[in-house]
Amino acid sequence: MEKGMAGVMHSELTCTNCGIGIHWQPTIVDGRPYCCLGCARGGPCECDYDNLPQRDEVNALVLKRSREMLARRSGG
C-alpha cells in the first residue's frame, strides 16, 4: 500500500486484461480497472511503456460503459 497525494492509503491496481500495475487513474469499464482503452476493449494493450502516466495522475484516460463499447463494435 502507498499513500496518495491526499495522504490516503491505496493499493496498486492491476489491469484486468494485461496484468500491468496501474499507477495512474485507470480506465474503468463495468467496475473493472484497465490500463488503457485497448485493454478495456479486450486487447491488445495500447500503453506506451516509455511514456506511462505519472503516479497519482487524476485524469482517467477513458471512462465508458460496456454497452456503449459493444454497440460500437456491432455497428449499432
N, C-alpha and C. Protein backbone atom coordinates (compact mmCIF):
# COMPACT_ATOMS: atom_id res chain seq x y z
N MET A 1 0.84 -1.18 0.00
CA MET A 1 0.00 0.00 0.00
C MET A 1 0.88 1.24 0.00
N GLU A 2 0.37 2.29 -0.66
CA GLU A 2 1.10 3.53 -0.75
C GLU A 2 0.19 4.68 -0.37
N LYS A 3 0.78 5.80 0.00
CA LYS A 3 -0.01 7.00 0.29
C LYS A 3 -0.14 7.82 -0.98
N GLY A 4 -1.37 8.21 -1.29
CA GLY A 4 -1.62 9.06 -2.44
C GLY A 4 -1.38 10.51 -2.09
N MET A 5 -1.70 11.41 -3.03
CA MET A 5 -1.46 12.83 -2.85
C MET A 5 -2.20 13.38 -1.63
N ALA A 6 -3.39 12.88 -1.36
CA ALA A 6 -4.18 13.38 -0.23
C ALA A 6 -3.81 12.66 1.07
N GLY A 7 -2.80 11.79 1.03
CA GLY A 7 -2.40 11.07 2.22
C GLY A 7 -3.24 9.85 2.51
N VAL A 8 -4.12 9.48 1.58
CA VAL A 8 -4.99 8.33 1.76
C VAL A 8 -4.25 7.08 1.29
N MET A 9 -4.35 6.02 2.06
CA MET A 9 -3.70 4.76 1.68
C MET A 9 -4.50 4.08 0.57
N HIS A 10 -3.80 3.59 -0.44
CA HIS A 10 -4.46 2.85 -1.50
C HIS A 10 -3.52 1.76 -2.00
N SER A 11 -4.10 0.71 -2.55
CA SER A 11 -3.28 -0.36 -3.09
C SER A 11 -3.19 -0.20 -4.60
N GLU A 12 -2.14 -0.74 -5.18
CA GLU A 12 -1.94 -0.66 -6.62
C GLU A 12 -2.96 -1.54 -7.33
N LEU A 13 -3.55 -1.01 -8.38
CA LEU A 13 -4.48 -1.78 -9.20
C LEU A 13 -3.71 -2.53 -10.26
N THR A 14 -4.31 -3.59 -10.75
CA THR A 14 -3.73 -4.38 -11.83
C THR A 14 -4.72 -4.40 -12.98
N CYS A 15 -4.23 -4.21 -14.20
CA CYS A 15 -5.10 -4.24 -15.38
C CYS A 15 -5.76 -5.60 -15.50
N THR A 16 -7.07 -5.59 -15.68
CA THR A 16 -7.85 -6.82 -15.81
C THR A 16 -7.43 -7.62 -17.04
N ASN A 17 -6.94 -6.94 -18.08
CA ASN A 17 -6.60 -7.63 -19.33
C ASN A 17 -5.13 -8.05 -19.39
N CYS A 18 -4.20 -7.11 -19.24
CA CYS A 18 -2.78 -7.43 -19.47
C CYS A 18 -1.98 -7.66 -18.20
N GLY A 19 -2.52 -7.24 -17.04
CA GLY A 19 -1.85 -7.51 -15.77
C GLY A 19 -0.83 -6.46 -15.33
N ILE A 20 -0.66 -5.37 -16.10
CA ILE A 20 0.30 -4.34 -15.70
C ILE A 20 -0.19 -3.66 -14.43
N GLY A 21 0.75 -3.28 -13.56
CA GLY A 21 0.40 -2.50 -12.38
C GLY A 21 0.02 -1.09 -12.82
N ILE A 22 -1.12 -0.60 -12.37
CA ILE A 22 -1.61 0.72 -12.78
C ILE A 22 -1.30 1.71 -11.68
N HIS A 23 -0.42 2.69 -11.98
CA HIS A 23 -0.02 3.71 -11.02
C HIS A 23 -0.72 5.04 -11.31
N TRP A 24 -1.68 5.05 -12.20
CA TRP A 24 -2.40 6.26 -12.60
C TRP A 24 -3.89 5.97 -12.52
N GLN A 25 -4.71 6.96 -12.83
CA GLN A 25 -6.16 6.76 -12.82
C GLN A 25 -6.50 5.74 -13.91
N PRO A 26 -7.10 4.61 -13.55
CA PRO A 26 -7.37 3.56 -14.54
C PRO A 26 -8.58 3.89 -15.42
N THR A 27 -8.67 3.19 -16.52
CA THR A 27 -9.88 3.18 -17.34
C THR A 27 -10.80 2.16 -16.68
N ILE A 28 -12.02 2.56 -16.35
CA ILE A 28 -12.95 1.67 -15.64
C ILE A 28 -14.10 1.31 -16.58
N VAL A 29 -14.34 0.02 -16.75
CA VAL A 29 -15.48 -0.48 -17.53
C VAL A 29 -16.16 -1.53 -16.68
N ASP A 30 -17.44 -1.32 -16.40
CA ASP A 30 -18.21 -2.24 -15.56
C ASP A 30 -17.52 -2.52 -14.23
N GLY A 31 -16.89 -1.49 -13.67
CA GLY A 31 -16.26 -1.62 -12.36
C GLY A 31 -14.92 -2.31 -12.37
N ARG A 32 -14.39 -2.68 -13.52
CA ARG A 32 -13.10 -3.36 -13.61
C ARG A 32 -12.04 -2.39 -14.13
N PRO A 33 -10.83 -2.40 -13.52
CA PRO A 33 -9.78 -1.48 -13.94
C PRO A 33 -8.98 -2.00 -15.14
N TYR A 34 -8.70 -1.08 -16.06
CA TYR A 34 -7.85 -1.38 -17.22
C TYR A 34 -6.82 -0.27 -17.34
N CYS A 35 -5.67 -0.58 -17.90
CA CYS A 35 -4.61 0.41 -18.04
C CYS A 35 -4.85 1.36 -19.21
N CYS A 36 -5.62 0.92 -20.22
CA CYS A 36 -5.85 1.74 -21.41
C CYS A 36 -7.12 1.29 -22.12
N LEU A 37 -7.53 2.04 -23.11
CA LEU A 37 -8.73 1.70 -23.87
C LEU A 37 -8.55 0.38 -24.62
N GLY A 38 -7.35 0.13 -25.12
CA GLY A 38 -7.10 -1.13 -25.83
C GLY A 38 -7.41 -2.34 -24.95
N CYS A 39 -6.92 -2.31 -23.73
CA CYS A 39 -7.19 -3.42 -22.81
C CYS A 39 -8.67 -3.47 -22.44
N ALA A 40 -9.31 -2.31 -22.28
CA ALA A 40 -10.73 -2.28 -21.95
C ALA A 40 -11.56 -2.91 -23.06
N ARG A 41 -11.06 -2.85 -24.28
CA ARG A 41 -11.74 -3.46 -25.43
C ARG A 41 -11.36 -4.92 -25.61
N GLY A 42 -10.51 -5.46 -24.76
CA GLY A 42 -10.13 -6.86 -24.86
C GLY A 42 -8.75 -7.07 -25.45
N GLY A 43 -8.03 -6.02 -25.74
CA GLY A 43 -6.67 -6.11 -26.25
C GLY A 43 -6.60 -5.77 -27.72
N PRO A 44 -5.43 -5.50 -28.21
CA PRO A 44 -4.16 -5.50 -27.48
C PRO A 44 -3.97 -4.23 -26.66
N CYS A 45 -3.05 -4.31 -25.72
CA CYS A 45 -2.69 -3.17 -24.88
C CYS A 45 -2.11 -2.07 -25.77
N GLU A 46 -2.53 -0.82 -25.50
CA GLU A 46 -2.06 0.32 -26.28
C GLU A 46 -1.14 1.23 -25.48
N CYS A 47 -0.65 0.76 -24.34
CA CYS A 47 0.20 1.60 -23.49
C CYS A 47 1.56 1.84 -24.14
N ASP A 48 2.03 3.06 -24.01
CA ASP A 48 3.39 3.43 -24.41
C ASP A 48 4.23 3.29 -23.15
N TYR A 49 4.92 2.18 -23.00
CA TYR A 49 5.62 1.89 -21.76
C TYR A 49 6.75 2.86 -21.47
N ASP A 50 7.20 3.62 -22.47
CA ASP A 50 8.22 4.64 -22.25
C ASP A 50 7.62 5.97 -21.81
N ASN A 51 6.28 6.08 -21.87
CA ASN A 51 5.62 7.35 -21.54
C ASN A 51 4.31 7.11 -20.79
N LEU A 52 4.35 6.27 -19.76
CA LEU A 52 3.16 5.98 -18.98
C LEU A 52 2.77 7.19 -18.15
N PRO A 53 1.48 7.34 -17.83
CA PRO A 53 1.06 8.44 -16.94
C PRO A 53 1.82 8.37 -15.62
N GLN A 54 2.04 9.53 -15.03
CA GLN A 54 2.76 9.60 -13.76
C GLN A 54 1.89 9.14 -12.60
N ARG A 55 2.54 8.67 -11.56
CA ARG A 55 1.86 8.22 -10.35
C ARG A 55 0.95 9.34 -9.83
N ASP A 56 -0.26 8.98 -9.48
CA ASP A 56 -1.26 9.88 -8.90
C ASP A 56 -1.88 10.87 -9.90
N GLU A 57 -1.70 10.67 -11.21
CA GLU A 57 -2.44 11.50 -12.15
C GLU A 57 -3.92 11.19 -11.95
N VAL A 58 -4.76 12.20 -11.97
CA VAL A 58 -6.16 12.00 -11.65
C VAL A 58 -7.08 11.97 -12.87
N ASN A 59 -6.60 12.28 -14.03
CA ASN A 59 -7.44 12.27 -15.23
C ASN A 59 -7.50 10.86 -15.81
N ALA A 60 -8.70 10.30 -15.87
CA ALA A 60 -8.87 8.98 -16.48
C ALA A 60 -8.59 9.09 -17.97
N LEU A 61 -7.97 8.07 -18.54
CA LEU A 61 -7.75 8.07 -19.98
C LEU A 61 -9.08 7.92 -20.70
N VAL A 62 -9.97 7.06 -20.19
CA VAL A 62 -11.28 6.83 -20.78
C VAL A 62 -12.21 6.32 -19.69
N LEU A 63 -13.47 6.69 -19.77
CA LEU A 63 -14.48 6.15 -18.86
C LEU A 63 -15.71 5.87 -19.69
N LYS A 64 -15.98 4.61 -19.98
CA LYS A 64 -17.09 4.20 -20.84
C LYS A 64 -17.85 3.06 -20.19
N ARG A 65 -19.07 2.91 -20.56
CA ARG A 65 -19.86 1.75 -20.15
C ARG A 65 -19.73 0.68 -21.22
N SER A 66 -19.78 -0.56 -20.80
CA SER A 66 -19.58 -1.65 -21.76
C SER A 66 -20.65 -1.66 -22.84
N ARG A 67 -21.88 -1.23 -22.52
CA ARG A 67 -22.93 -1.20 -23.54
C ARG A 67 -22.55 -0.27 -24.69
N GLU A 68 -21.94 0.85 -24.37
CA GLU A 68 -21.51 1.79 -25.41
C GLU A 68 -20.44 1.15 -26.28
N MET A 69 -19.50 0.46 -25.66
CA MET A 69 -18.42 -0.18 -26.41
C MET A 69 -18.98 -1.30 -27.28
N LEU A 70 -19.89 -2.11 -26.75
CA LEU A 70 -20.45 -3.21 -27.51
C LEU A 70 -21.28 -2.68 -28.69
N ALA A 71 -22.00 -1.59 -28.49
CA ALA A 71 -22.79 -1.00 -29.56
C ALA A 71 -21.89 -0.54 -30.69
N ARG A 72 -20.75 0.01 -30.36
CA ARG A 72 -19.81 0.45 -31.38
C ARG A 72 -19.21 -0.73 -32.13
N ARG A 73 -18.90 -1.79 -31.42
CA ARG A 73 -18.33 -3.00 -32.05
C ARG A 73 -19.31 -3.61 -33.06
N SER A 74 -20.58 -3.63 -32.68
CA SER A 74 -21.59 -4.27 -33.53
C SER A 74 -22.16 -3.31 -34.58
N GLY A 75 -21.68 -2.07 -34.57
CA GLY A 75 -22.12 -1.10 -35.55
C GLY A 75 -23.44 -0.46 -35.21
N GLY A 76 -23.93 -0.64 -33.98
CA GLY A 76 -25.23 -0.11 -33.59
C GLY A 76 -25.10 0.94 -32.63
